[in-house]
Amino acid sequence: MEKKSQFKNGYTFNKVINGCWQLSAEHCLQGKLDIKDAIYAFHKLVDEGYTTFDCADIYTGVEEILGQFVKELKDSGHYCHEDIQIHTKFVPDKAVLPVINMEYVERIVDRSLLRMNREALDLVQFHWWDFSIDGMMETAMNLVELQKKGKIRNIGMCNMDTERLKMMIDAGIDVVSNQAQYSMFDRRPEKTLLDFSKEHDIYTFAYGTLAGGFLDERYMGKEYLSPETRSQVKYMQVIEDTLEWDGLQKLLVLLKDIADKHGVRIANVATQYILRQKSVGAVMVGTRNSKHISSNIDTLNFDMDEEDMSKIREFLNGYPVLEGECYELERYSPRYTGIILTDLNK
């Protein structure tokens, strides 16, 4: 597969984006982060042409880590802004939503610029916790004003369902992307979101594609014990409500057969399967350390055929799809909202 894609305005990004949520202070439940090794991995990925990074203003400590990486690039004397692409998010605290204003929005954007040592934010992805709270459209227009000021290059959405994405388009906002949870377990985007996005030239940026790492050889033939990260807590709920652990085991066997056919790993097959869906422009693959660099790169170094795709599609069609639209359960279902932190942007 091609390594890069671009928005209609010419802005170029990787199809496999280096995801940085795993570096946030809230993510790890076991072990410790090695920030030095993570930044080393960033340098190696850039050397291999994987120059696009994804983070958020609520990933505690991550914008600062990327800022340290940018400083090292600048100190090398061979840096310009376009060498790398850093996508962040604007995620105002749920408690702030009723009173949010332009001053708040600009302050958070300025803070992201300062943290990351960037002249402009390449892509700001807008998330709104509760659609029943007024102010979402006004806040989106605040981001448009900051784009006009040159502080933001591109505006995307995060966890927006089809109805709200349409509201943004109808308001005249030039939305280039929408980040959505999308995997073999969570196929909610396939209901209406992917079709709408394709129709309006909006790229879907998929996260959670590897379900917190459960789509991996090391879980074959194993029983579920305990989560290693907050990601696994989150995605285990999705697995329980769709394939269940028995279905996961059968899926791993299927994916292993396809992976062996192409000389890659299960994660590469799972990632490329999502990349080949309509409107999907990129997937976020976690970059926690340097151990998985070569495996992440392998995702685009082979081509699944239609037989591979059909086998996976037919298997998944035998299992239920999660209720509702993109991120609907995470907003309103007590079972899902219980593990989500909504006030990390203070």
Protein backbone atom coordinates (compact mmCIF):
# COMPACT_ATOMS: atom_id res chain seq x y z
CA MET A 1 0.00 0.00 0.00
CA GLU A 2 0.99 3.62 -0.45
CA LYS A 3 2.60 5.09 2.65
CA LYS A 4 0.99 8.54 2.52
CA SER A 5 -2.24 10.28 1.62
CA GLN A 6 -3.38 13.89 1.52
CA PHE A 7 -6.31 16.20 2.10
CA LYS A 8 -7.85 17.96 -0.87
CA ASN A 9 -5.89 21.09 0.12
CA GLY A 10 -2.62 19.24 -0.47
CA TYR A 11 -1.65 18.60 3.16
CA THR A 12 0.14 15.23 3.31
CA PHE A 13 0.10 12.70 6.16
CA ASN A 14 0.95 9.04 6.80
CA LYS A 15 -1.65 6.32 6.47
CA VAL A 16 -0.17 4.72 9.59
CA ILE A 17 0.01 7.49 12.17
CA ASN A 18 2.20 7.24 15.26
CA GLY A 19 -0.37 7.29 18.06
CA CYS A 20 0.77 8.69 21.40
CA TRP A 21 -2.08 8.00 23.85
CA GLN A 22 -0.02 5.15 25.30
CA LEU A 23 2.48 7.73 26.55
CA SER A 24 -0.08 9.60 28.67
CA ALA A 25 0.19 9.49 32.44
CA GLU A 26 -3.28 7.91 32.76
CA HIS A 27 -2.71 5.06 30.33
CA CYS A 28 -0.38 2.59 32.06
CA LEU A 29 -1.74 0.29 34.74
CA GLN A 30 1.41 -1.85 34.90
CA GLY A 31 5.09 -0.97 34.45
CA LYS A 32 6.70 2.42 33.76
CA LEU A 33 7.10 4.56 30.68
CA ASP A 34 10.54 5.03 29.17
CA ILE A 35 10.25 8.51 27.66
CA LYS A 36 13.82 8.50 26.38
CA ASP A 37 13.17 5.30 24.41
CA ALA A 38 9.87 6.69 23.11
CA ILE A 39 11.62 9.76 21.70
CA TYR A 40 14.30 7.51 20.23
CA ALA A 41 11.47 5.61 18.52
CA PHE A 42 10.11 8.91 17.15
CA HIS A 43 13.46 9.65 15.51
CA LYS A 44 13.70 6.16 14.00
CA LEU A 45 10.13 6.34 12.65
CA VAL A 46 10.80 9.71 11.02
CA ASP A 47 13.94 8.25 9.44
CA GLU A 48 11.72 5.53 7.94
CA GLY A 49 9.28 8.10 6.57
CA TYR A 50 6.61 7.75 9.29
CA THR A 51 6.43 11.44 10.10
CA THR A 52 2.85 11.90 11.36
CA PHE A 53 2.04 11.87 15.09
CA ASP A 54 -1.30 11.96 16.91
CA CYS A 55 -1.86 13.30 20.41
CA ALA A 56 -4.36 15.39 22.41
CA ASP A 57 -4.38 18.25 24.85
CA ILE A 58 -5.84 15.84 27.45
CA TYR A 59 -3.13 13.17 27.06
CA THR A 60 -1.27 14.23 30.18
CA GLY A 61 2.37 14.92 29.37
CA VAL A 62 2.24 13.87 25.71
CA GLU A 63 2.26 17.28 24.04
CA GLU A 64 5.31 18.09 26.17
CA ILE A 65 7.04 14.86 25.06
CA LEU A 66 6.42 15.77 21.44
CA GLY A 67 7.68 19.27 22.19
CA GLN A 68 10.92 17.76 23.48
CA PHE A 69 11.17 15.73 20.28
CA VAL A 70 10.61 18.87 18.16
CA LYS A 71 13.30 20.69 20.17
CA GLU A 72 15.77 17.91 19.42
CA LEU A 73 14.93 18.18 15.72
CA LYS A 74 15.40 21.95 15.83
CA ASP A 75 18.68 21.64 17.71
CA SER A 76 19.99 19.33 14.97
CA GLY A 77 19.98 22.28 12.59
CA HIS A 78 18.11 20.36 9.88
CA TYR A 79 14.49 21.05 10.81
CA CYS A 80 11.56 22.79 9.18
CA HIS A 81 7.93 22.67 10.27
CA GLU A 82 6.86 20.48 7.34
CA ASP A 83 9.32 17.70 8.21
CA ILE A 84 6.78 16.21 10.62
CA GLN A 85 3.04 16.46 11.12
CA ILE A 86 1.58 16.61 14.62
CA HIS A 87 -2.16 16.17 15.01
CA THR A 88 -3.64 17.15 18.35
CA LYS A 89 -7.16 17.46 19.71
CA PHE A 90 -9.21 20.16 21.37
CA VAL A 91 -11.14 18.43 24.15
CA PRO A 92 -12.67 20.93 26.56
CA ASP A 93 -13.56 19.56 29.99
CA LYS A 94 -17.15 18.38 30.28
CA ALA A 95 -17.64 20.74 33.24
CA VAL A 96 -16.59 23.70 31.06
CA LEU A 97 -18.95 23.02 28.15
CA PRO A 98 -21.87 25.19 29.45
CA VAL A 99 -19.63 28.27 29.82
CA ILE A 100 -16.96 27.80 27.15
CA ASN A 101 -15.96 30.91 25.17
CA MET A 102 -13.41 32.12 22.64
CA GLU A 103 -10.94 33.14 25.34
CA TYR A 104 -10.88 29.58 26.70
CA VAL A 105 -10.52 28.04 23.24
CA GLU A 106 -7.63 30.29 22.24
CA ARG A 107 -5.86 29.77 25.56
CA ILE A 108 -5.91 25.98 25.13
CA VAL A 109 -4.72 26.22 21.51
CA ASP A 110 -1.91 28.60 22.51
CA ARG A 111 -0.91 26.18 25.26
CA SER A 112 -0.65 23.34 22.74
CA LEU A 113 1.53 25.49 20.48
CA LEU A 114 3.82 26.31 23.38
CA ARG A 115 4.01 22.74 24.64
CA MET A 116 4.92 21.32 21.24
CA ASN A 117 7.27 24.07 20.03
CA ARG A 118 5.23 24.48 16.86
CA GLU A 119 4.51 27.54 14.76
CA ALA A 120 1.01 26.26 13.93
CA LEU A 121 -1.08 23.22 14.82
CA ASP A 122 -1.21 21.01 11.73
CA LEU A 123 -4.59 19.46 12.60
CA VAL A 124 -6.89 20.18 15.54
CA GLN A 125 -9.55 17.49 16.06
CA PHE A 126 -12.58 18.77 17.96
CA HIS A 127 -14.36 16.61 20.56
CA TRP A 128 -17.55 17.48 22.47
CA TRP A 129 -18.51 15.29 25.41
CA ASP A 130 -22.29 15.75 25.50
CA PHE A 131 -24.45 16.74 22.53
CA SER A 132 -27.27 17.79 24.85
CA ILE A 133 -25.14 20.70 26.12
CA ASP A 134 -25.35 23.85 23.99
CA GLY A 135 -22.30 25.57 22.57
CA MET A 136 -20.76 22.95 20.32
CA MET A 137 -21.27 24.80 17.03
CA GLU A 138 -20.17 28.14 18.48
CA THR A 139 -17.00 26.49 19.78
CA ALA A 140 -16.33 24.91 16.40
CA MET A 141 -16.57 28.38 14.84
CA ASN A 142 -14.05 29.63 17.43
CA LEU A 143 -11.61 27.09 15.99
CA VAL A 144 -12.35 28.46 12.51
CA GLU A 145 -11.41 31.93 13.75
CA LEU A 146 -8.11 30.58 15.08
CA GLN A 147 -7.53 28.93 11.72
CA LYS A 148 -7.95 32.33 10.07
CA LYS A 149 -5.36 33.70 12.51
CA GLY A 150 -2.88 31.09 11.33
CA LYS A 151 -2.73 29.15 14.58
CA ILE A 152 -4.45 26.08 13.05
CA ARG A 153 -3.77 24.66 9.59
CA ASN A 154 -6.57 22.06 9.38
CA ILE A 155 -9.73 21.38 11.36
CA GLY A 156 -10.95 17.86 11.97
CA MET A 157 -13.49 16.27 14.26
CA CYS A 158 -13.12 13.56 16.89
CA ASN A 159 -15.82 11.05 17.82
CA MET A 160 -18.52 12.90 15.87
CA ASP A 161 -21.47 10.86 14.66
CA THR A 162 -23.04 11.30 11.23
CA GLU A 163 -25.64 13.84 12.37
CA ARG A 164 -23.11 16.16 14.03
CA LEU A 165 -20.64 15.81 11.19
CA LYS A 166 -23.40 16.95 8.85
CA MET A 167 -24.07 19.94 11.12
CA MET A 168 -20.44 20.98 10.76
CA ILE A 169 -20.55 20.69 6.99
CA ASP A 170 -23.86 22.56 6.78
CA ALA A 171 -22.32 25.37 8.86
CA GLY A 172 -19.63 25.79 6.21
CA ILE A 173 -16.75 24.41 8.27
CA ASP A 174 -14.06 22.84 6.09
CA VAL A 175 -13.81 19.54 7.98
CA VAL A 176 -11.00 17.41 6.59
CA SER A 177 -11.15 14.42 8.93
CA ASN A 178 -13.06 12.71 11.72
CA GLN A 179 -11.26 10.47 14.20
CA ALA A 180 -13.43 7.50 15.16
CA GLN A 181 -13.05 4.25 17.05
CA TYR A 182 -13.09 1.59 14.36
CA SER A 183 -11.89 -2.00 14.50
CA MET A 184 -12.99 -5.55 13.79
CA PHE A 185 -14.78 -5.40 17.14
CA ASP A 186 -16.27 -1.92 16.82
CA ARG A 187 -17.93 -1.60 13.43
CA ARG A 188 -20.34 1.21 14.28
CA PRO A 189 -18.80 3.56 11.66
CA GLU A 190 -19.96 1.15 8.94
CA LYS A 191 -23.62 1.98 9.63
CA THR A 192 -23.70 5.48 8.09
CA LEU A 193 -20.53 7.38 9.02
CA LEU A 194 -18.16 5.94 6.42
CA ASP A 195 -20.61 6.54 3.56
CA PHE A 196 -21.28 10.13 4.63
CA SER A 197 -17.59 10.84 5.09
CA LYS A 198 -16.71 9.47 1.67
CA GLU A 199 -19.47 11.52 0.05
CA HIS A 200 -18.08 14.72 1.59
CA ASP A 201 -14.34 14.03 1.14
CA ILE A 202 -13.78 13.65 4.88
CA TYR A 203 -11.15 11.14 5.90
CA THR A 204 -11.92 8.78 8.76
CA PHE A 205 -8.92 8.44 11.07
CA ALA A 206 -9.41 5.13 12.88
CA TYR A 207 -8.23 4.53 16.42
CA GLY A 208 -8.57 1.44 18.60
CA THR A 209 -7.87 -0.71 15.54
CA LEU A 210 -5.80 -3.20 17.55
CA ALA A 211 -8.20 -3.05 20.52
CA GLY A 212 -5.56 -2.17 23.07
CA GLY A 213 -3.23 -4.88 21.76
CA PHE A 214 -5.64 -7.83 21.99
CA LEU A 215 -5.21 -8.49 18.26
CA ASP A 216 -1.81 -10.09 18.76
CA GLU A 217 -0.27 -13.57 18.64
CA ARG A 218 0.42 -13.57 22.37
CA TYR A 219 -3.31 -13.86 23.15
CA MET A 220 -3.86 -16.95 21.01
CA GLY A 221 -5.10 -19.86 23.09
CA LYS A 222 -5.00 -17.79 26.27
CA GLU A 223 -7.59 -16.98 28.89
CA TYR A 224 -8.31 -13.38 29.77
CA LEU A 225 -6.66 -12.46 33.06
CA SER A 226 -6.42 -8.74 33.76
CA PRO A 227 -5.92 -5.51 31.79
CA GLU A 228 -2.44 -4.07 31.36
CA THR A 229 -3.58 -0.61 30.30
CA ARG A 230 -6.66 1.62 30.30
CA SER A 231 -6.96 0.79 26.61
CA GLN A 232 -7.53 -2.85 27.43
CA VAL A 233 -10.15 -2.00 30.04
CA LYS A 234 -11.97 0.03 27.40
CA TYR A 235 -11.70 -2.44 24.54
CA MET A 236 -12.47 -5.51 26.64
CA GLN A 237 -15.95 -4.06 27.06
CA VAL A 238 -16.28 -3.87 23.29
CA ILE A 239 -15.06 -7.45 22.86
CA GLU A 240 -17.50 -8.70 25.51
CA ASP A 241 -20.40 -7.02 23.69
CA THR A 242 -19.48 -8.33 20.23
CA LEU A 243 -17.26 -11.38 19.62
CA GLU A 244 -16.66 -12.30 23.26
CA TRP A 245 -13.40 -14.02 24.18
CA ASP A 246 -14.26 -17.22 22.30
CA GLY A 247 -14.94 -15.27 19.12
CA LEU A 248 -11.67 -13.36 19.58
CA GLN A 249 -9.81 -16.67 19.72
CA LYS A 250 -11.40 -17.81 16.44
CA LEU A 251 -10.62 -14.45 14.84
CA LEU A 252 -6.98 -14.67 15.91
CA VAL A 253 -6.67 -18.06 14.18
CA LEU A 254 -8.15 -16.62 10.97
CA LEU A 255 -5.89 -13.56 11.07
CA LYS A 256 -2.82 -15.69 11.81
CA ASP A 257 -3.45 -17.74 8.67
CA ILE A 258 -3.63 -14.58 6.57
CA ALA A 259 -0.60 -13.08 8.31
CA ASP A 260 1.47 -16.21 7.66
CA LYS A 261 0.45 -16.10 4.01
CA HIS A 262 1.99 -12.63 3.69
CA GLY A 263 4.87 -13.07 6.11
CA VAL A 264 3.60 -10.45 8.59
CA ARG A 265 1.93 -10.34 12.02
CA ILE A 266 -1.71 -10.38 13.07
CA ALA A 267 -1.57 -6.67 13.94
CA ASN A 268 -0.50 -5.83 10.39
CA VAL A 269 -3.46 -7.70 8.90
CA ALA A 270 -5.92 -6.13 11.36
CA THR A 271 -4.62 -2.65 10.61
CA GLN A 272 -4.57 -3.01 6.84
CA TYR A 273 -8.10 -4.45 6.87
CA ILE A 274 -9.40 -1.22 8.40
CA LEU A 275 -7.21 0.93 6.14
CA ARG A 276 -8.88 -0.65 3.11
CA GLN A 277 -12.39 0.41 4.16
CA LYS A 278 -14.17 3.31 2.44
CA SER A 279 -13.18 6.82 3.59
CA VAL A 280 -10.46 5.56 5.97
CA GLY A 281 -7.42 7.79 5.45
CA ALA A 282 -5.26 6.62 8.33
CA VAL A 283 -5.07 4.44 11.40
CA MET A 284 -3.47 5.34 14.72
CA VAL A 285 -0.95 2.73 15.85
CA GLY A 286 0.45 3.12 19.35
CA THR A 287 4.08 4.22 19.64
CA ARG A 288 5.09 3.50 23.20
CA ASN A 289 8.67 2.33 22.63
CA SER A 290 11.15 1.28 19.96
CA LYS A 291 10.37 -2.45 20.13
CA HIS A 292 7.52 -2.41 17.62
CA ILE A 293 8.90 -0.04 14.98
CA SER A 294 9.59 -2.71 12.37
CA SER A 295 6.24 -4.39 12.95
CA ASN A 296 4.34 -1.11 12.56
CA ILE A 297 6.17 -0.42 9.31
CA ASP A 298 5.25 -3.87 7.92
CA THR A 299 1.57 -2.86 7.79
CA LEU A 300 2.08 -1.12 4.44
CA ASN A 301 4.70 -3.48 3.01
CA PHE A 302 2.24 -6.07 1.72
CA ASP A 303 -1.16 -6.13 -0.01
CA MET A 304 -4.15 -8.08 1.19
CA ASP A 305 -6.22 -9.53 -1.63
CA GLU A 306 -9.97 -9.76 -1.97
CA GLU A 307 -9.98 -13.35 -0.71
CA ASP A 308 -8.35 -12.17 2.53
CA MET A 309 -10.83 -9.34 2.91
CA SER A 310 -13.82 -11.57 2.18
CA LYS A 311 -12.80 -14.18 4.74
CA ILE A 312 -12.56 -11.56 7.47
CA ARG A 313 -15.77 -9.83 6.40
CA GLU A 314 -17.76 -13.07 6.35
CA PHE A 315 -16.44 -14.05 9.77
CA LEU A 316 -17.32 -10.69 11.36
CA ASN A 317 -20.80 -10.71 9.84
CA GLY A 318 -21.59 -13.66 12.08
CA TYR A 319 -21.28 -11.47 15.17
CA PRO A 320 -23.27 -8.47 16.47
CA VAL A 321 -22.37 -4.82 15.92
CA LEU A 322 -22.32 -2.46 18.91
CA GLU A 323 -25.47 -0.42 19.48
CA GLY A 324 -25.79 3.15 18.27
CA GLU A 325 -23.56 5.47 16.30
CA CYS A 326 -19.90 6.34 16.69
CA TYR A 327 -19.05 6.97 20.39
CA GLU A 328 -22.74 6.98 21.41
CA LEU A 329 -22.30 4.34 24.11
CA GLU A 330 -19.23 6.14 25.46
CA ARG A 331 -21.30 9.30 25.86
CA TYR A 332 -24.45 7.93 27.40
CA SER A 333 -24.19 4.29 28.55
CA PRO A 334 -23.22 3.92 32.23
CA ARG A 335 -21.37 0.70 31.38
CA TYR A 336 -19.05 2.58 29.02
CA THR A 337 -18.86 6.05 30.57
CA GLY A 338 -17.62 4.66 33.87
CA ILE A 339 -14.02 4.34 32.70
CA ILE A 340 -13.83 7.59 30.71
CA LEU A 341 -12.13 10.63 32.23
CA THR A 342 -13.86 13.82 31.08
CA ASP A 343 -12.00 16.55 32.97
CA LEU A 344 -8.29 16.31 32.09
CA ASN A 345 -7.84 19.71 30.45
CA LYS A 346 -7.65 21.89 33.55
